[in-house]
Amino acid sequence: MTTTQKIKTCLWFSNNAEEAVQYYLSIFKGSRILSELRSGDAGPGPKGSLVMAEFELNGQRLMALNGAHQKFNETFSLVVTCETQEEVDELWSKLTAGGGAESQCGWLKDRFGVSWQIVPSALIRLLQHPEPAKAGRVMQAMMQMKKIDIARIEEAAR
């Protein structure tokens, strides 16, 4: 039996949704397109062009919609929890490639303007440490970083 995810995030792109979906599928293993809606003779775009796609990134279902010019901002972001520095580094490199931009504290924007948070699970664990002084040092270290460096936050905790 197939289950449908009741609530999905819809990303509205400026007529480059198909390019964005293919880009994301290339980055995240275990990803796939679930369905597509393409324009017919009546539009809304050129016949055969993507109107909307539902896709899955490592188990998370999303939708992409082609629309009028829209800009993403930091009030919306996709959060990826990483277990290793290698995973952080790989995602950071791929998501900032081709015109993406680094930001502070594990945030970045990809070339489509979508904001991402690349968060090592170690960061969350250390920020929630029961000793306030340790958690505070980790917070201070994180505030100085763009891409999170697990070794540096672990050193700050010590």
C-alpha atoms as a PDB file:
ATOM      1  CA  MET A   1       0.000   0.000   0.000  1.00  0.00           C
ATOM      2  CA  THR A   2       1.363   3.416  -0.973  1.00  0.00           C
ATOM      3  CA  THR A   3       1.040   6.164   1.587  1.00  0.00           C
ATOM      4  CA  THR A   4       0.830   9.818   0.722  1.00  0.00           C
ATOM      5  CA  GLN A   5       2.615  12.413   2.763  1.00  0.00           C
ATOM      6  CA  LYS A   6      -0.228  14.668   3.909  1.00  0.00           C
ATOM      7  CA  ILE A   7       1.840  17.853   4.198  1.00  0.00           C
ATOM      8  CA  LYS A   8       4.553  18.701   1.669  1.00  0.00           C
ATOM      9  CA  THR A   9       6.729  21.715   1.076  1.00  0.00           C
ATOM     10  CA  CYS A  10       6.175  23.420  -2.285  1.00  0.00           C
ATOM     11  CA  LEU A  11       9.051  25.403  -3.767  1.00  0.00           C
ATOM     12  CA  TRP A  12       7.998  28.028  -6.328  1.00  0.00           C
ATOM     13  CA  PHE A  13      10.713  28.591  -8.921  1.00  0.00           C
ATOM     14  CA  SER A  14      11.099  31.249 -11.597  1.00  0.00           C
ATOM     15  CA  ASN A  15      10.555  28.919 -14.553  1.00  0.00           C
ATOM     16  CA  ASN A  16      13.590  26.760 -13.692  1.00  0.00           C
ATOM     17  CA  ALA A  17      11.904  24.141 -11.492  1.00  0.00           C
ATOM     18  CA  GLU A  18      12.951  21.250 -13.736  1.00  0.00           C
ATOM     19  CA  GLU A  19      16.608  22.300 -13.570  1.00  0.00           C
ATOM     20  CA  ALA A  20      16.356  22.707  -9.775  1.00  0.00           C
ATOM     21  CA  VAL A  21      14.743  19.294  -9.262  1.00  0.00           C
ATOM     22  CA  GLN A  22      17.407  17.563 -11.358  1.00  0.00           C
ATOM     23  CA  TYR A  23      20.103  19.441  -9.427  1.00  0.00           C
ATOM     24  CA  TYR A  24      18.723  18.315  -6.053  1.00  0.00           C
ATOM     25  CA  LEU A  25      18.267  14.716  -7.260  1.00  0.00           C
ATOM     26  CA  SER A  26      21.947  14.662  -8.245  1.00  0.00           C
ATOM     27  CA  ILE A  27      23.034  15.738  -4.742  1.00  0.00           C
ATOM     28  CA  PHE A  28      20.960  13.545  -2.439  1.00  0.00           C
ATOM     29  CA  LYS A  29      21.248   9.770  -2.684  1.00  0.00           C
ATOM     30  CA  GLY A  30      17.988   7.825  -2.654  1.00  0.00           C
ATOM     31  CA  SER A  31      16.115  10.629  -4.410  1.00  0.00           C
ATOM     32  CA  ARG A  32      13.577  10.371  -7.194  1.00  0.00           C
ATOM     33  CA  ILE A  33      10.802  12.091  -9.098  1.00  0.00           C
ATOM     34  CA  LEU A  34       7.401  10.825  -7.961  1.00  0.00           C
ATOM     35  CA  SER A  35       5.177  12.617 -10.467  1.00  0.00           C
ATOM     36  CA  GLU A  36       5.215  15.382 -13.033  1.00  0.00           C
ATOM     37  CA  LEU A  37       2.609  17.648 -14.572  1.00  0.00           C
ATOM     38  CA  ARG A  38       3.606  19.075 -17.942  1.00  0.00           C
ATOM     39  CA  SER A  39       1.947  21.750 -20.062  1.00  0.00           C
ATOM     40  CA  GLY A  40      -0.381  20.658 -22.824  1.00  0.00           C
ATOM     41  CA  ASP A  41      -1.744  22.593 -25.783  1.00  0.00           C
ATOM     42  CA  ALA A  42      -3.628  24.934 -23.426  1.00  0.00           C
ATOM     43  CA  GLY A  43      -0.529  25.882 -21.405  1.00  0.00           C
ATOM     44  CA  PRO A  44       0.241  27.376 -18.981  1.00  0.00           C
ATOM     45  CA  GLY A  45       3.742  27.226 -20.522  1.00  0.00           C
ATOM     46  CA  PRO A  46       5.212  25.855 -23.717  1.00  0.00           C
ATOM     47  CA  LYS A  47       3.834  22.412 -24.568  1.00  0.00           C
ATOM     48  CA  GLY A  48       5.799  19.746 -22.706  1.00  0.00           C
ATOM     49  CA  SER A  49       7.357  22.128 -20.182  1.00  0.00           C
ATOM     50  CA  LEU A  50       7.231  21.239 -16.501  1.00  0.00           C
ATOM     51  CA  VAL A  51       4.432  22.873 -14.534  1.00  0.00           C
ATOM     52  CA  MET A  52       4.839  20.965 -11.279  1.00  0.00           C
ATOM     53  CA  ALA A  53       6.815  17.994  -9.972  1.00  0.00           C
ATOM     54  CA  GLU A  54       6.591  16.002  -6.792  1.00  0.00           C
ATOM     55  CA  PHE A  55       9.947  14.585  -5.811  1.00  0.00           C
ATOM     56  CA  GLU A  56      11.638  12.892  -2.899  1.00  0.00           C
ATOM     57  CA  LEU A  57      15.008  13.822  -1.418  1.00  0.00           C
ATOM     58  CA  ASN A  58      16.271  11.049   0.833  1.00  0.00           C
ATOM     59  CA  GLY A  59      12.730  10.257   2.013  1.00  0.00           C
ATOM     60  CA  GLN A  60      11.436  13.852   2.237  1.00  0.00           C
ATOM     61  CA  ARG A  61       8.705  14.687  -0.267  1.00  0.00           C
ATOM     62  CA  LEU A  62       8.711  18.116  -1.861  1.00  0.00           C
ATOM     63  CA  MET A  63       6.968  19.826  -4.740  1.00  0.00           C
ATOM     64  CA  ALA A  64       8.455  22.167  -7.315  1.00  0.00           C
ATOM     65  CA  LEU A  65       6.284  24.626  -9.213  1.00  0.00           C
ATOM     66  CA  ASN A  66       7.208  26.805 -12.170  1.00  0.00           C
ATOM     67  CA  GLY A  67       5.741  30.250 -11.782  1.00  0.00           C
ATOM     68  CA  ALA A  68       6.312  33.915 -12.194  1.00  0.00           C
ATOM     69  CA  HIS A  69       9.427  35.522 -10.817  1.00  0.00           C
ATOM     70  CA  GLN A  70       9.761  34.681  -7.160  1.00  0.00           C
ATOM     71  CA  LYS A  71      12.638  35.101  -4.739  1.00  0.00           C
ATOM     72  CA  PHE A  72      13.344  32.826  -1.832  1.00  0.00           C
ATOM     73  CA  ASN A  73      14.604  34.306   1.426  1.00  0.00           C
ATOM     74  CA  GLU A  74      15.911  33.057   4.758  1.00  0.00           C
ATOM     75  CA  THR A  75      12.456  32.891   6.338  1.00  0.00           C
ATOM     76  CA  PHE A  76      12.278  29.476   4.711  1.00  0.00           C
ATOM     77  CA  SER A  77      15.064  26.883   4.707  1.00  0.00           C
ATOM     78  CA  LEU A  78      15.596  23.177   4.256  1.00  0.00           C
ATOM     79  CA  VAL A  79      17.531  21.590   7.128  1.00  0.00           C
ATOM     80  CA  VAL A  80      19.827  18.628   6.522  1.00  0.00           C
ATOM     81  CA  THR A  81      21.191  16.751   9.545  1.00  0.00           C
ATOM     82  CA  CYS A  82      24.636  15.269   8.898  1.00  0.00           C
ATOM     83  CA  GLU A  83      26.516  12.621  10.852  1.00  0.00           C
ATOM     84  CA  THR A  84      30.078  13.252   9.615  1.00  0.00           C
ATOM     85  CA  GLN A  85      32.298  16.126   8.545  1.00  0.00           C
ATOM     86  CA  GLU A  86      32.644  14.439   5.159  1.00  0.00           C
ATOM     87  CA  GLU A  87      28.871  14.627   4.672  1.00  0.00           C
ATOM     88  CA  VAL A  88      28.843  18.290   5.754  1.00  0.00           C
ATOM     89  CA  ASP A  89      31.702  19.096   3.369  1.00  0.00           C
ATOM     90  CA  GLU A  90      30.152  17.238   0.427  1.00  0.00           C
ATOM     91  CA  LEU A  91      26.711  18.837   0.765  1.00  0.00           C
ATOM     92  CA  TRP A  92      28.214  22.272   1.378  1.00  0.00           C
ATOM     93  CA  SER A  93      30.347  22.007  -1.725  1.00  0.00           C
ATOM     94  CA  LYS A  94      27.543  20.737  -3.962  1.00  0.00           C
ATOM     95  CA  LEU A  95      24.882  23.153  -2.728  1.00  0.00           C
ATOM     96  CA  THR A  96      27.110  26.246  -3.033  1.00  0.00           C
ATOM     97  CA  ALA A  97      28.411  25.214  -6.479  1.00  0.00           C
ATOM     98  CA  GLY A  98      27.446  27.164  -9.565  1.00  0.00           C
ATOM     99  CA  GLY A  99      26.511  30.421  -7.882  1.00  0.00           C
ATOM    100  CA  GLY A 100      25.439  29.444  -4.374  1.00  0.00           C
ATOM    101  CA  ALA A 101      26.544  31.536  -1.402  1.00  0.00           C
ATOM    102  CA  GLU A 102      27.813  30.727   2.070  1.00  0.00           C
ATOM    103  CA  SER A 103      26.208  32.338   5.075  1.00  0.00           C
ATOM    104  CA  GLN A 104      26.755  32.098   8.835  1.00  0.00           C
ATOM    105  CA  CYS A 105      26.210  29.242  11.282  1.00  0.00           C
ATOM    106  CA  GLY A 106      25.746  26.429   8.781  1.00  0.00           C
ATOM    107  CA  TRP A 107      23.418  28.325   6.438  1.00  0.00           C
ATOM    108  CA  LEU A 108      23.879  28.673   2.691  1.00  0.00           C
ATOM    109  CA  LYS A 109      21.898  29.549  -0.395  1.00  0.00           C
ATOM    110  CA  ASP A 110      22.039  27.359  -3.464  1.00  0.00           C
ATOM    111  CA  ARG A 111      22.194  28.760  -7.004  1.00  0.00           C
ATOM    112  CA  PHE A 112      18.375  28.922  -7.105  1.00  0.00           C
ATOM    113  CA  GLY A 113      18.244  31.064  -3.960  1.00  0.00           C
ATOM    114  CA  VAL A 114      16.875  28.319  -1.693  1.00  0.00           C
ATOM    115  CA  SER A 115      18.287  28.525   1.852  1.00  0.00           C
ATOM    116  CA  TRP A 116      19.682  25.380   3.444  1.00  0.00           C
ATOM    117  CA  GLN A 117      20.953  24.620   6.928  1.00  0.00           C
ATOM    118  CA  ILE A 118      23.665  21.952   6.938  1.00  0.00           C
ATOM    119  CA  VAL A 119      23.677  20.856  10.573  1.00  0.00           C
ATOM    120  CA  PRO A 120      25.925  18.199  12.098  1.00  0.00           C
ATOM    121  CA  SER A 121      24.071  16.134  14.703  1.00  0.00           C
ATOM    122  CA  ALA A 122      27.079  16.774  16.986  1.00  0.00           C
ATOM    123  CA  LEU A 123      26.239  20.496  16.970  1.00  0.00           C
ATOM    124  CA  ILE A 124      22.692  19.906  18.198  1.00  0.00           C
ATOM    125  CA  ARG A 125      23.903  17.454  20.841  1.00  0.00           C
ATOM    126  CA  LEU A 126      26.558  19.888  22.119  1.00  0.00           C
ATOM    127  CA  LEU A 127      24.234  22.923  22.072  1.00  0.00           C
ATOM    128  CA  GLN A 128      21.856  20.922  24.275  1.00  0.00           C
ATOM    129  CA  HIS A 129      24.619  19.880  26.683  1.00  0.00           C
ATOM    130  CA  PRO A 130      23.445  19.925  30.320  1.00  0.00           C
ATOM    131  CA  GLU A 131      26.453  22.040  31.327  1.00  0.00           C
ATOM    132  CA  PRO A 132      25.588  25.615  30.280  1.00  0.00           C
ATOM    133  CA  ALA A 133      29.258  26.639  30.029  1.00  0.00           C
ATOM    134  CA  LYS A 134      29.978  23.890  27.469  1.00  0.00           C
ATOM    135  CA  ALA A 135      26.890  24.712  25.442  1.00  0.00           C
ATOM    136  CA  GLY A 136      27.833  28.400  25.555  1.00  0.00           C
ATOM    137  CA  ARG A 137      31.346  27.747  24.235  1.00  0.00           C
ATOM    138  CA  VAL A 138      29.910  25.668  21.420  1.00  0.00           C
ATOM    139  CA  MET A 139      27.459  28.463  20.561  1.00  0.00           C
ATOM    140  CA  GLN A 140      30.300  31.024  20.513  1.00  0.00           C
ATOM    141  CA  ALA A 141      32.394  28.785  18.246  1.00  0.00           C
ATOM    142  CA  MET A 142      29.463  28.195  15.883  1.00  0.00           C
ATOM    143  CA  MET A 143      28.776  31.928  15.622  1.00  0.00           C
ATOM    144  CA  GLN A 144      32.268  32.381  14.142  1.00  0.00           C
ATOM    145  CA  MET A 145      31.722  29.775  11.394  1.00  0.00           C
ATOM    146  CA  LYS A 146      30.072  29.601   8.035  1.00  0.00           C
ATOM    147  CA  LYS A 147      30.307  25.852   7.338  1.00  0.00           C
ATOM    148  CA  ILE A 148      30.212  23.995  10.671  1.00  0.00           C
ATOM    149  CA  ASP A 149      33.485  22.299  11.599  1.00  0.00           C
ATOM    150  CA  ILE A 150      32.696  19.366  13.898  1.00  0.00           C
ATOM    151  CA  ALA A 151      36.248  19.133  15.307  1.00  0.00           C
ATOM    152  CA  ARG A 152      36.200  22.838  16.244  1.00  0.00           C
ATOM    153  CA  ILE A 153      32.851  22.653  18.029  1.00  0.00           C
ATOM    154  CA  GLU A 154      33.934  19.522  19.876  1.00  0.00           C
ATOM    155  CA  GLU A 155      37.153  21.304  20.915  1.00  0.00           C
ATOM    156  CA  ALA A 156      35.114  24.297  22.111  1.00  0.00           C
ATOM    157  CA  ALA A 157      33.001  21.950  24.235  1.00  0.00           C
ATOM    158  CA  ARG A 158      36.144  20.610  25.952  1.00  0.00           C
END
